[in-house]
Amino acid sequence: MYTKPLANLIEQLQRLPGIGSKTAQRLALYILKRPSAEVEALAQALLDAKQQVGTCQICHHLSADPICEICANPSRDRSTICVVTD
């Protein structure tokens, strides 16, 4: 049906949560129609996020720094915590 590179792109997109085969196909075809610079920017954003985003050493929230902006804020009330569940 699809060439091997396109089939691989669709397969990889399907691995994302909430992305079924039809949506993966639409996304893949959309990506192929975009200018190369835009596709490269998307690819670079994925790589940058994977390489640069980790968790805060204090609260374990996503952060590009060892300590997130909230925990690093000197005016933060450290006697109050916020608990969030999935």
N, C-alpha and C. Protein backbone atom coordinates (compact mmCIF):
# COMPACT_ATOMS: atom_id res chain seq x y z
N MET A 1 0.82 -1.19 0.00
CA MET A 1 0.00 0.00 0.00
C MET A 1 0.87 1.26 0.00
N TYR A 2 1.62 1.45 1.07
CA TYR A 2 2.48 2.64 1.17
C TYR A 2 3.93 2.22 0.97
N THR A 3 4.74 3.16 0.52
CA THR A 3 6.17 2.88 0.43
C THR A 3 6.71 2.65 1.84
N LYS A 4 7.85 1.99 1.93
CA LYS A 4 8.40 1.62 3.24
C LYS A 4 8.63 2.83 4.15
N PRO A 5 9.22 3.93 3.68
CA PRO A 5 9.41 5.08 4.58
C PRO A 5 8.09 5.66 5.09
N LEU A 6 7.08 5.72 4.23
CA LEU A 6 5.79 6.25 4.65
C LEU A 6 5.12 5.29 5.62
N ALA A 7 5.18 4.01 5.34
CA ALA A 7 4.61 3.01 6.24
C ALA A 7 5.28 3.08 7.61
N ASN A 8 6.59 3.29 7.63
CA ASN A 8 7.32 3.41 8.90
C ASN A 8 6.88 4.65 9.66
N LEU A 9 6.71 5.77 8.96
CA LEU A 9 6.25 7.00 9.61
C LEU A 9 4.87 6.78 10.22
N ILE A 10 3.98 6.16 9.49
CA ILE A 10 2.63 5.88 10.00
C ILE A 10 2.71 4.99 11.24
N GLU A 11 3.54 3.96 11.15
CA GLU A 11 3.69 3.04 12.29
C GLU A 11 4.20 3.76 13.53
N GLN A 12 5.17 4.65 13.35
CA GLN A 12 5.72 5.39 14.49
C GLN A 12 4.69 6.36 15.08
N LEU A 13 3.92 7.00 14.22
CA LEU A 13 2.88 7.92 14.71
C LEU A 13 1.80 7.17 15.48
N GLN A 14 1.49 5.95 15.07
CA GLN A 14 0.48 5.14 15.75
C GLN A 14 0.89 4.79 17.17
N ARG A 15 2.16 4.85 17.46
CA ARG A 15 2.64 4.55 18.80
C ARG A 15 2.28 5.63 19.80
N LEU A 16 1.94 6.81 19.30
CA LEU A 16 1.55 7.90 20.19
C LEU A 16 0.19 7.60 20.80
N PRO A 17 -0.01 7.97 22.07
CA PRO A 17 -1.30 7.69 22.70
C PRO A 17 -2.43 8.44 22.01
N GLY A 18 -3.52 7.73 21.78
CA GLY A 18 -4.71 8.34 21.17
C GLY A 18 -4.65 8.45 19.66
N ILE A 19 -3.59 7.95 19.04
CA ILE A 19 -3.44 8.04 17.59
C ILE A 19 -3.69 6.65 16.99
N GLY A 20 -4.79 6.53 16.28
CA GLY A 20 -5.11 5.28 15.60
C GLY A 20 -4.53 5.28 14.20
N SER A 21 -4.84 4.24 13.46
CA SER A 21 -4.23 4.10 12.13
C SER A 21 -4.67 5.19 11.17
N LYS A 22 -5.95 5.56 11.18
CA LYS A 22 -6.43 6.60 10.25
C LYS A 22 -5.80 7.95 10.58
N THR A 23 -5.76 8.28 11.86
CA THR A 23 -5.15 9.56 12.26
C THR A 23 -3.67 9.57 11.93
N ALA A 24 -3.00 8.45 12.15
CA ALA A 24 -1.57 8.36 11.83
C ALA A 24 -1.36 8.55 10.33
N GLN A 25 -2.22 7.98 9.52
CA GLN A 25 -2.11 8.16 8.07
C GLN A 25 -2.30 9.62 7.69
N ARG A 26 -3.32 10.27 8.28
CA ARG A 26 -3.58 11.68 7.97
C ARG A 26 -2.39 12.55 8.39
N LEU A 27 -1.86 12.29 9.58
CA LEU A 27 -0.71 13.07 10.05
C LEU A 27 0.50 12.86 9.14
N ALA A 28 0.76 11.62 8.77
CA ALA A 28 1.91 11.33 7.91
C ALA A 28 1.77 12.03 6.57
N LEU A 29 0.60 11.96 5.97
CA LEU A 29 0.39 12.61 4.68
C LEU A 29 0.49 14.13 4.81
N TYR A 30 0.00 14.67 5.92
CA TYR A 30 0.12 16.10 6.17
C TYR A 30 1.59 16.50 6.28
N ILE A 31 2.35 15.72 7.04
CA ILE A 31 3.78 16.01 7.22
C ILE A 31 4.50 16.00 5.88
N LEU A 32 4.18 15.04 5.03
CA LEU A 32 4.83 14.95 3.72
C LEU A 32 4.54 16.16 2.83
N LYS A 33 3.40 16.79 3.04
CA LYS A 33 3.02 17.94 2.22
C LYS A 33 3.64 19.25 2.71
N ARG A 34 4.16 19.25 3.93
CA ARG A 34 4.73 20.47 4.51
C ARG A 34 6.12 20.73 3.93
N PRO A 35 6.56 21.97 3.94
CA PRO A 35 7.92 22.30 3.47
C PRO A 35 8.96 21.59 4.34
N SER A 36 10.08 21.27 3.74
CA SER A 36 11.15 20.57 4.44
C SER A 36 11.59 21.30 5.71
N ALA A 37 11.66 22.61 5.65
CA ALA A 37 12.10 23.38 6.82
C ALA A 37 11.14 23.19 7.99
N GLU A 38 9.85 23.11 7.70
CA GLU A 38 8.86 22.92 8.75
C GLU A 38 8.96 21.51 9.36
N VAL A 39 9.20 20.52 8.52
CA VAL A 39 9.34 19.14 9.00
C VAL A 39 10.63 19.02 9.82
N GLU A 40 11.69 19.67 9.38
CA GLU A 40 12.95 19.64 10.12
C GLU A 40 12.78 20.33 11.48
N ALA A 41 12.00 21.41 11.52
CA ALA A 41 11.76 22.10 12.79
C ALA A 41 10.99 21.20 13.75
N LEU A 42 10.02 20.46 13.23
CA LEU A 42 9.26 19.51 14.06
C LEU A 42 10.19 18.42 14.59
N ALA A 43 10.99 17.85 13.72
CA ALA A 43 11.93 16.80 14.13
C ALA A 43 12.91 17.33 15.17
N GLN A 44 13.42 18.54 14.98
CA GLN A 44 14.36 19.12 15.93
C GLN A 44 13.69 19.39 17.27
N ALA A 45 12.43 19.85 17.25
CA ALA A 45 11.70 20.09 18.49
C ALA A 45 11.52 18.80 19.28
N LEU A 46 11.24 17.70 18.59
CA LEU A 46 11.12 16.40 19.25
C LEU A 46 12.45 15.99 19.89
N LEU A 47 13.53 16.12 19.14
CA LEU A 47 14.85 15.76 19.66
C LEU A 47 15.25 16.65 20.83
N ASP A 48 15.03 17.96 20.69
CA ASP A 48 15.38 18.90 21.75
C ASP A 48 14.61 18.59 23.03
N ALA A 49 13.32 18.35 22.91
CA ALA A 49 12.50 18.05 24.08
C ALA A 49 13.00 16.77 24.76
N LYS A 50 13.27 15.76 23.98
CA LYS A 50 13.74 14.49 24.54
C LYS A 50 15.08 14.66 25.24
N GLN A 51 15.97 15.44 24.68
CA GLN A 51 17.31 15.61 25.24
C GLN A 51 17.36 16.61 26.39
N GLN A 52 16.50 17.62 26.37
CA GLN A 52 16.64 18.72 27.32
C GLN A 52 15.64 18.74 28.45
N VAL A 53 14.53 18.03 28.31
CA VAL A 53 13.50 18.08 29.35
C VAL A 53 13.67 16.87 30.27
N GLY A 54 13.72 17.16 31.54
CA GLY A 54 13.81 16.12 32.57
C GLY A 54 12.83 16.46 33.67
N THR A 55 13.14 16.05 34.87
CA THR A 55 12.26 16.37 35.99
C THR A 55 13.01 17.19 37.03
N CYS A 56 12.26 18.03 37.70
CA CYS A 56 12.79 18.87 38.77
C CYS A 56 13.27 17.95 39.91
N GLN A 57 14.42 18.24 40.46
CA GLN A 57 14.97 17.44 41.55
C GLN A 57 14.14 17.54 42.83
N ILE A 58 13.32 18.59 42.93
CA ILE A 58 12.54 18.79 44.14
C ILE A 58 11.12 18.25 43.99
N CYS A 59 10.39 18.70 42.96
CA CYS A 59 8.97 18.34 42.84
C CYS A 59 8.70 17.29 41.76
N HIS A 60 9.71 17.01 40.95
CA HIS A 60 9.61 16.01 39.87
C HIS A 60 8.68 16.42 38.74
N HIS A 61 8.38 17.71 38.64
CA HIS A 61 7.61 18.23 37.51
C HIS A 61 8.57 18.37 36.32
N LEU A 62 8.04 18.36 35.11
CA LEU A 62 8.89 18.51 33.92
C LEU A 62 9.61 19.85 33.95
N SER A 63 10.89 19.80 33.63
CA SER A 63 11.70 21.01 33.65
C SER A 63 12.92 20.84 32.75
N ALA A 64 13.37 21.94 32.17
CA ALA A 64 14.60 21.93 31.37
C ALA A 64 15.81 22.21 32.26
N ASP A 65 15.56 22.55 33.50
CA ASP A 65 16.63 22.84 34.46
C ASP A 65 16.55 21.83 35.61
N PRO A 66 17.63 21.65 36.35
CA PRO A 66 17.59 20.70 37.46
C PRO A 66 16.52 21.06 38.51
N ILE A 67 16.32 22.35 38.70
CA ILE A 67 15.27 22.84 39.61
C ILE A 67 14.31 23.69 38.78
N CYS A 68 13.01 23.36 38.81
CA CYS A 68 12.04 24.09 37.98
C CYS A 68 11.86 25.52 38.46
N GLU A 69 11.23 26.34 37.64
CA GLU A 69 11.04 27.76 37.96
C GLU A 69 10.22 27.94 39.24
N ILE A 70 9.26 27.07 39.47
CA ILE A 70 8.40 27.20 40.66
C ILE A 70 9.23 26.94 41.92
N CYS A 71 9.96 25.82 41.93
CA CYS A 71 10.77 25.49 43.11
C CYS A 71 11.93 26.47 43.31
N ALA A 72 12.44 27.04 42.23
CA ALA A 72 13.55 27.98 42.32
C ALA A 72 13.11 29.38 42.76
N ASN A 73 11.82 29.64 42.74
CA ASN A 73 11.29 30.95 43.10
C ASN A 73 11.51 31.20 44.59
N PRO A 74 12.28 32.23 44.96
CA PRO A 74 12.56 32.48 46.37
C PRO A 74 11.33 32.92 47.17
N SER A 75 10.29 33.41 46.49
CA SER A 75 9.09 33.85 47.21
C SER A 75 8.06 32.73 47.35
N ARG A 76 8.41 31.53 46.92
CA ARG A 76 7.50 30.40 47.01
C ARG A 76 7.29 30.01 48.47
N ASP A 77 6.02 29.75 48.83
CA ASP A 77 5.67 29.31 50.18
C ASP A 77 5.95 27.81 50.28
N ARG A 78 7.06 27.47 50.88
CA ARG A 78 7.47 26.06 50.96
C ARG A 78 6.68 25.28 52.00
N SER A 79 5.82 25.94 52.77
CA SER A 79 5.01 25.22 53.76
C SER A 79 3.71 24.70 53.15
N THR A 80 3.43 25.04 51.89
CA THR A 80 2.22 24.60 51.21
C THR A 80 2.60 23.68 50.05
N ILE A 81 1.89 22.57 49.94
CA ILE A 81 2.12 21.67 48.82
C ILE A 81 0.82 21.48 48.04
N CYS A 82 0.96 21.12 46.81
CA CYS A 82 -0.18 20.85 45.94
C CYS A 82 -0.01 19.41 45.44
N VAL A 83 -1.03 18.59 45.65
CA VAL A 83 -0.97 17.21 45.21
C VAL A 83 -1.92 17.04 44.04
N VAL A 84 -1.38 16.53 42.93
CA VAL A 84 -2.17 16.31 41.72
C VAL A 84 -2.04 14.84 41.33
N THR A 85 -3.16 14.20 41.02
CA THR A 85 -3.12 12.80 40.61
C THR A 85 -3.61 12.68 39.18
N ASP A 86 -3.21 11.62 38.54
CA ASP A 86 -3.65 11.36 37.17
C ASP A 86 -5.01 10.69 37.20
